[in-house]
Amino acid sequence: RDLAKPKNKKTSAKIKYFFKALNQ
């Protein structure tokens, strides 16, 4: 759900969010 959001469109943003979500 969240990786599909516009703010996570860039690869760098996707990677950053992925590890954030894993931590959370």
PDB file of all heavy atoms in Angstrom:
ATOM      1  N   ARG A   1       0.830  -1.215   0.000  1.00  0.00           N
ATOM      2  CA  ARG A   1       0.000   0.000   0.000  1.00  0.00           C
ATOM      3  C   ARG A   1       0.861   1.260   0.000  1.00  0.00           C
ATOM      4  O   ARG A   1       0.663   2.160  -0.827  1.00  0.00           O
ATOM      5  CB  ARG A   1      -0.901  -0.022   1.239  1.00  0.00           C
ATOM      6  CG  ARG A   1      -1.764   1.222   1.444  1.00  0.00           C
ATOM      7  CD  ARG A   1      -2.329   1.243   2.848  1.00  0.00           C
ATOM      8  NE  ARG A   1      -1.280   1.469   3.839  1.00  0.00           N
ATOM      9  CZ  ARG A   1      -1.432   1.236   5.149  1.00  0.00           C
ATOM     10  NH1 ARG A   1      -2.563   0.747   5.609  1.00  0.00           N
ATOM     11  NH2 ARG A   1      -0.435   1.478   5.996  1.00  0.00           N
ATOM     12  N   ASP A   2       1.806   1.329   0.909  1.00  0.00           N
ATOM     13  CA  ASP A   2       2.549   2.575   1.094  1.00  0.00           C
ATOM     14  C   ASP A   2       3.636   2.792   0.045  1.00  0.00           C
ATOM     15  O   ASP A   2       3.938   3.935  -0.306  1.00  0.00           O
ATOM     16  CB  ASP A   2       3.167   2.600   2.492  1.00  0.00           C
ATOM     17  CG  ASP A   2       2.105   2.730   3.580  1.00  0.00           C
ATOM     18  OD1 ASP A   2       0.939   3.012   3.230  1.00  0.00           O
ATOM     19  OD2 ASP A   2       2.439   2.545   4.760  1.00  0.00           O
ATOM     20  N   LEU A   3       4.212   1.713  -0.471  1.00  0.00           N
ATOM     21  CA  LEU A   3       5.217   1.877  -1.510  1.00  0.00           C
ATOM     22  C   LEU A   3       4.612   2.382  -2.818  1.00  0.00           C
ATOM     23  O   LEU A   3       5.314   2.922  -3.676  1.00  0.00           O
ATOM     24  CB  LEU A   3       5.956   0.554  -1.749  1.00  0.00           C
ATOM     25  CG  LEU A   3       6.942   0.139  -0.653  1.00  0.00           C
ATOM     26  CD1 LEU A   3       7.488  -1.255  -0.916  1.00  0.00           C
ATOM     27  CD2 LEU A   3       8.084   1.140  -0.529  1.00  0.00           C
ATOM     28  N   ALA A   4       3.303   2.222  -2.965  1.00  0.00           N
ATOM     29  CA  ALA A   4       2.617   2.689  -4.173  1.00  0.00           C
ATOM     30  C   ALA A   4       2.241   4.175  -4.102  1.00  0.00           C
ATOM     31  O   ALA A   4       1.803   4.753  -5.095  1.00  0.00           O
ATOM     32  CB  ALA A   4       1.359   1.857  -4.408  1.00  0.00           C
ATOM     33  N   LYS A   5       2.442   4.787  -2.929  1.00  0.00           N
ATOM     34  CA  LYS A   5       2.098   6.200  -2.779  1.00  0.00           C
ATOM     35  C   LYS A   5       3.060   7.073  -3.578  1.00  0.00           C
ATOM     36  O   LYS A   5       4.243   6.741  -3.723  1.00  0.00           O
ATOM     37  CB  LYS A   5       2.128   6.588  -1.298  1.00  0.00           C
ATOM     38  CG  LYS A   5       1.038   5.936  -0.464  1.00  0.00           C
ATOM     39  CD  LYS A   5       1.126   6.357   0.989  1.00  0.00           C
ATOM     40  CE  LYS A   5       0.008   5.727   1.813  1.00  0.00           C
ATOM     41  NZ  LYS A   5       0.085   6.108   3.244  1.00  0.00           N
ATOM     42  N   PRO A   6       2.551   8.206  -4.101  1.00  0.00           N
ATOM     43  CA  PRO A   6       3.398   9.104  -4.914  1.00  0.00           C
ATOM     44  C   PRO A   6       4.686   9.538  -4.217  1.00  0.00           C
ATOM     45  O   PRO A   6       5.724   9.672  -4.857  1.00  0.00           O
ATOM     46  CB  PRO A   6       2.468  10.302  -5.173  1.00  0.00           C
ATOM     47  CG  PRO A   6       1.098   9.735  -5.108  1.00  0.00           C
ATOM     48  CD  PRO A   6       1.153   8.662  -4.053  1.00  0.00           C
ATOM     49  N   LYS A   7       4.639   9.750  -2.903  1.00  0.00           N
ATOM     50  CA  LYS A   7       5.825  10.226  -2.188  1.00  0.00           C
ATOM     51  C   LYS A   7       6.936   9.182  -2.171  1.00  0.00           C
ATOM     52  O   LYS A   7       8.095   9.509  -1.910  1.00  0.00           O
ATOM     53  CB  LYS A   7       5.465  10.643  -0.765  1.00  0.00           C
ATOM     54  CG  LYS A   7       5.042   9.495   0.147  1.00  0.00           C
ATOM     55  CD  LYS A   7       4.745   9.989   1.553  1.00  0.00           C
ATOM     56  CE  LYS A   7       4.360   8.842   2.483  1.00  0.00           C
ATOM     57  NZ  LYS A   7       4.090   9.333   3.858  1.00  0.00           N
ATOM     58  N   ASN A   8       6.573   7.913  -2.451  1.00  0.00           N
ATOM     59  CA  ASN A   8       7.568   6.838  -2.496  1.00  0.00           C
ATOM     60  C   ASN A   8       7.851   6.388  -3.925  1.00  0.00           C
ATOM     61  O   ASN A   8       8.256   5.247  -4.166  1.00  0.00           O
ATOM     62  CB  ASN A   8       7.090   5.644  -1.656  1.00  0.00           C
ATOM     63  CG  ASN A   8       7.063   5.955  -0.172  1.00  0.00           C
ATOM     64  OD1 ASN A   8       7.932   6.649   0.337  1.00  0.00           O
ATOM     65  ND2 ASN A   8       6.054   5.457   0.521  1.00  0.00           N
ATOM     66  N   LYS A   9       7.634   7.287  -4.884  1.00  0.00           N
ATOM     67  CA  LYS A   9       7.785   6.939  -6.301  1.00  0.00           C
ATOM     68  C   LYS A   9       9.231   6.665  -6.664  1.00  0.00           C
ATOM     69  O   LYS A   9       9.534   5.737  -7.407  1.00  0.00           O
ATOM     70  CB  LYS A   9       7.230   8.068  -7.170  1.00  0.00           C
ATOM     71  CG  LYS A   9       7.201   7.749  -8.655  1.00  0.00           C
ATOM     72  CD  LYS A   9       6.547   8.869  -9.446  1.00  0.00           C
ATOM     73  CE  LYS A   9       6.490   8.539 -10.928  1.00  0.00           C
ATOM     74  NZ  LYS A   9       5.838   9.631 -11.718  1.00  0.00           N
ATOM     75  N   LYS A  10      10.154   7.469  -6.135  1.00  0.00           N
ATOM     76  CA  LYS A  10      11.567   7.298  -6.455  1.00  0.00           C
ATOM     77  C   LYS A  10      12.131   6.059  -5.750  1.00  0.00           C
ATOM     78  O   LYS A  10      11.707   5.704  -4.659  1.00  0.00           O
ATOM     79  CB  LYS A  10      12.356   8.533  -6.039  1.00  0.00           C
ATOM     80  CG  LYS A  10      12.001   9.788  -6.836  1.00  0.00           C
ATOM     81  CD  LYS A  10      12.870  10.955  -6.396  1.00  0.00           C
ATOM     82  CE  LYS A  10      12.566  12.204  -7.210  1.00  0.00           C
ATOM     83  NZ  LYS A  10      13.413  13.372  -6.798  1.00  0.00           N
ATOM     84  N   THR A  11      13.100   5.440  -6.397  1.00  0.00           N
ATOM     85  CA  THR A  11      13.718   4.224  -5.849  1.00  0.00           C
ATOM     86  C   THR A  11      14.335   4.480  -4.484  1.00  0.00           C
ATOM     87  O   THR A  11      14.209   3.659  -3.564  1.00  0.00           O
ATOM     88  CB  THR A  11      14.797   3.690  -6.804  1.00  0.00           C
ATOM     89  OG1 THR A  11      14.203   3.414  -8.079  1.00  0.00           O
ATOM     90  CG2 THR A  11      15.419   2.415  -6.256  1.00  0.00           C
ATOM     91  N   SER A  12      14.996   5.621  -4.327  1.00  0.00           N
ATOM     92  CA  SER A  12      15.623   5.951  -3.044  1.00  0.00           C
ATOM     93  C   SER A  12      14.588   6.064  -1.929  1.00  0.00           C
ATOM     94  O   SER A  12      14.822   5.620  -0.803  1.00  0.00           O
ATOM     95  CB  SER A  12      16.416   7.260  -3.160  1.00  0.00           C
ATOM     96  OG  SER A  12      15.557   8.326  -3.563  1.00  0.00           O
ATOM     97  N   ALA A  13      13.420   6.655  -2.276  1.00  0.00           N
ATOM     98  CA  ALA A  13      12.337   6.794  -1.294  1.00  0.00           C
ATOM     99  C   ALA A  13      11.758   5.434  -0.939  1.00  0.00           C
ATOM    100  O   ALA A  13      11.411   5.175   0.221  1.00  0.00           O
ATOM    101  CB  ALA A  13      11.255   7.712  -1.841  1.00  0.00           C
ATOM    102  N   LYS A  14      11.634   4.561  -1.934  1.00  0.00           N
ATOM    103  CA  LYS A  14      11.116   3.208  -1.688  1.00  0.00           C
ATOM    104  C   LYS A  14      12.026   2.437  -0.735  1.00  0.00           C
ATOM    105  O   LYS A  14      11.556   1.773   0.197  1.00  0.00           O
ATOM    106  CB  LYS A  14      10.979   2.442  -3.012  1.00  0.00           C
ATOM    107  CG  LYS A  14       9.841   2.907  -3.907  1.00  0.00           C
ATOM    108  CD  LYS A  14       9.767   2.052  -5.158  1.00  0.00           C
ATOM    109  CE  LYS A  14       8.674   2.530  -6.097  1.00  0.00           C
ATOM    110  NZ  LYS A  14       7.330   2.348  -5.527  1.00  0.00           N
ATOM    111  N   ILE A  15      13.337   2.528  -0.979  1.00  0.00           N
ATOM    112  CA  ILE A  15      14.298   1.809  -0.133  1.00  0.00           C
ATOM    113  C   ILE A  15      14.262   2.356   1.295  1.00  0.00           C
ATOM    114  O   ILE A  15      14.250   1.593   2.266  1.00  0.00           O
ATOM    115  CB  ILE A  15      15.721   1.931  -0.720  1.00  0.00           C
ATOM    116  CG1 ILE A  15      15.791   1.201  -2.062  1.00  0.00           C
ATOM    117  CG2 ILE A  15      16.753   1.378   0.261  1.00  0.00           C
ATOM    118  CD1 ILE A  15      17.097   1.405  -2.794  1.00  0.00           C
ATOM    119  N   LYS A  16      14.231   3.666   1.409  1.00  0.00           N
ATOM    120  CA  LYS A  16      14.189   4.302   2.730  1.00  0.00           C
ATOM    121  C   LYS A  16      12.931   3.895   3.484  1.00  0.00           C
ATOM    122  O   LYS A  16      12.995   3.549   4.668  1.00  0.00           O
ATOM    123  CB  LYS A  16      14.229   5.819   2.575  1.00  0.00           C
ATOM    124  CG  LYS A  16      14.240   6.568   3.899  1.00  0.00           C
ATOM    125  CD  LYS A  16      14.318   8.071   3.670  1.00  0.00           C
ATOM    126  CE  LYS A  16      14.328   8.833   4.995  1.00  0.00           C
ATOM    127  NZ  LYS A  16      14.400  10.306   4.781  1.00  0.00           N
ATOM    128  N   TYR A  17      11.771   3.909   2.797  1.00  0.00           N
ATOM    129  CA  TYR A  17      10.520   3.535   3.462  1.00  0.00           C
ATOM    130  C   TYR A  17      10.510   2.049   3.815  1.00  0.00           C
ATOM    131  O   TYR A  17      10.008   1.661   4.872  1.00  0.00           O
ATOM    132  CB  TYR A  17       9.303   3.857   2.597  1.00  0.00           C
ATOM    133  CG  TYR A  17       8.034   3.423   3.276  1.00  0.00           C
ATOM    134  CD1 TYR A  17       7.485   4.183   4.311  1.00  0.00           C
ATOM    135  CD2 TYR A  17       7.439   2.204   2.973  1.00  0.00           C
ATOM    136  CE1 TYR A  17       6.366   3.744   4.998  1.00  0.00           C
ATOM    137  CE2 TYR A  17       6.322   1.764   3.654  1.00  0.00           C
ATOM    138  CZ  TYR A  17       5.783   2.544   4.664  1.00  0.00           C
ATOM    139  OH  TYR A  17       4.684   2.109   5.352  1.00  0.00           O
ATOM    140  N   PHE A  18      11.055   1.210   2.937  1.00  0.00           N
ATOM    141  CA  PHE A  18      11.069  -0.229   3.184  1.00  0.00           C
ATOM    142  C   PHE A  18      11.741  -0.548   4.521  1.00  0.00           C
ATOM    143  O   PHE A  18      11.197  -1.293   5.338  1.00  0.00           O
ATOM    144  CB  PHE A  18      11.791  -0.947   2.036  1.00  0.00           C
ATOM    145  CG  PHE A  18      11.918  -2.432   2.235  1.00  0.00           C
ATOM    146  CD1 PHE A  18      10.848  -3.274   1.962  1.00  0.00           C
ATOM    147  CD2 PHE A  18      13.102  -2.989   2.695  1.00  0.00           C
ATOM    148  CE1 PHE A  18      10.953  -4.652   2.144  1.00  0.00           C
ATOM    149  CE2 PHE A  18      13.219  -4.363   2.884  1.00  0.00           C
ATOM    150  CZ  PHE A  18      12.141  -5.190   2.604  1.00  0.00           C
ATOM    151  N   PHE A  19      12.902   0.031   4.747  1.00  0.00           N
ATOM    152  CA  PHE A  19      13.621  -0.248   5.994  1.00  0.00           C
ATOM    153  C   PHE A  19      12.930   0.414   7.192  1.00  0.00           C
ATOM    154  O   PHE A  19      12.954  -0.121   8.305  1.00  0.00           O
ATOM    155  CB  PHE A  19      15.070   0.207   5.875  1.00  0.00           C
ATOM    156  CG  PHE A  19      15.907  -0.716   5.031  1.00  0.00           C
ATOM    157  CD1 PHE A  19      16.272  -0.360   3.742  1.00  0.00           C
ATOM    158  CD2 PHE A  19      16.296  -1.954   5.512  1.00  0.00           C
ATOM    159  CE1 PHE A  19      17.031  -1.225   2.953  1.00  0.00           C
ATOM    160  CE2 PHE A  19      17.054  -2.823   4.740  1.00  0.00           C
ATOM    161  CZ  PHE A  19      17.418  -2.455   3.453  1.00  0.00           C
ATOM    162  N   LYS A  20      12.304   1.562   6.956  1.00  0.00           N
ATOM    163  CA  LYS A  20      11.530   2.209   8.021  1.00  0.00           C
ATOM    164  C   LYS A  20      10.364   1.326   8.445  1.00  0.00           C
ATOM    165  O   LYS A  20      10.114   1.139   9.638  1.00  0.00           O
ATOM    166  CB  LYS A  20      11.014   3.573   7.544  1.00  0.00           C
ATOM    167  CG  LYS A  20      10.142   4.289   8.556  1.00  0.00           C
ATOM    168  CD  LYS A  20       9.605   5.599   7.986  1.00  0.00           C
ATOM    169  CE  LYS A  20       8.669   6.290   8.980  1.00  0.00           C
ATOM    170  NZ  LYS A  20       8.123   7.559   8.416  1.00  0.00           N
ATOM    171  N   ALA A  21       9.648   0.776   7.463  1.00  0.00           N
ATOM    172  CA  ALA A  21       8.500  -0.087   7.755  1.00  0.00           C
ATOM    173  C   ALA A  21       8.931  -1.360   8.464  1.00  0.00           C
ATOM    174  O   ALA A  21       8.246  -1.843   9.374  1.00  0.00           O
ATOM    175  CB  ALA A  21       7.752  -0.422   6.468  1.00  0.00           C
ATOM    176  N   LEU A  22      10.073  -1.917   8.062  1.00  0.00           N
ATOM    177  CA  LEU A  22      10.584  -3.112   8.741  1.00  0.00           C
ATOM    178  C   LEU A  22      10.895  -2.814  10.199  1.00  0.00           C
ATOM    179  O   LEU A  22      10.600  -3.624  11.082  1.00  0.00           O
ATOM    180  CB  LEU A  22      11.835  -3.630   8.034  1.00  0.00           C
ATOM    181  CG  LEU A  22      11.641  -4.353   6.700  1.00  0.00           C
ATOM    182  CD1 LEU A  22      12.987  -4.844   6.178  1.00  0.00           C
ATOM    183  CD2 LEU A  22      10.667  -5.517   6.833  1.00  0.00           C
ATOM    184  N   ASN A  23      11.492  -1.676  10.454  1.00  0.00           N
ATOM    185  CA  ASN A  23      11.807  -1.271  11.823  1.00  0.00           C
ATOM    186  C   ASN A  23      10.530  -1.057  12.640  1.00  0.00           C
ATOM    187  O   ASN A  23      10.426  -1.497  13.786  1.00  0.00           O
ATOM    188  CB  ASN A  23      12.644   0.006  11.810  1.00  0.00           C
ATOM    189  CG  ASN A  23      13.071   0.430  13.208  1.00  0.00           C
ATOM    190  OD1 ASN A  23      13.647  -0.358  13.954  1.00  0.00           O
ATOM    191  ND2 ASN A  23      12.791   1.673  13.561  1.00  0.00           N
ATOM    192  N   GLN A  24       9.535  -0.407  12.024  1.00  0.00           N
ATOM    193  CA  GLN A  24       8.269  -0.144  12.711  1.00  0.00           C
ATOM    194  C   GLN A  24       7.448  -1.408  12.920  1.00  0.00           C
ATOM    195  O   GLN A  24       6.571  -1.432  13.788  1.00  0.00           O
ATOM    196  CB  GLN A  24       7.448   0.877  11.924  1.00  0.00           C
ATOM    197  CG  GLN A  24       8.037   2.273  11.923  1.00  0.00           C
ATOM    198  CD  GLN A  24       7.216   3.236  11.094  1.00  0.00           C
ATOM    199  OE1 GLN A  24       6.483   2.839  10.172  1.00  0.00           O
ATOM    200  NE2 GLN A  24       7.318   4.524  11.396  1.00  0.00           N
TER     201      GLN A  24
END
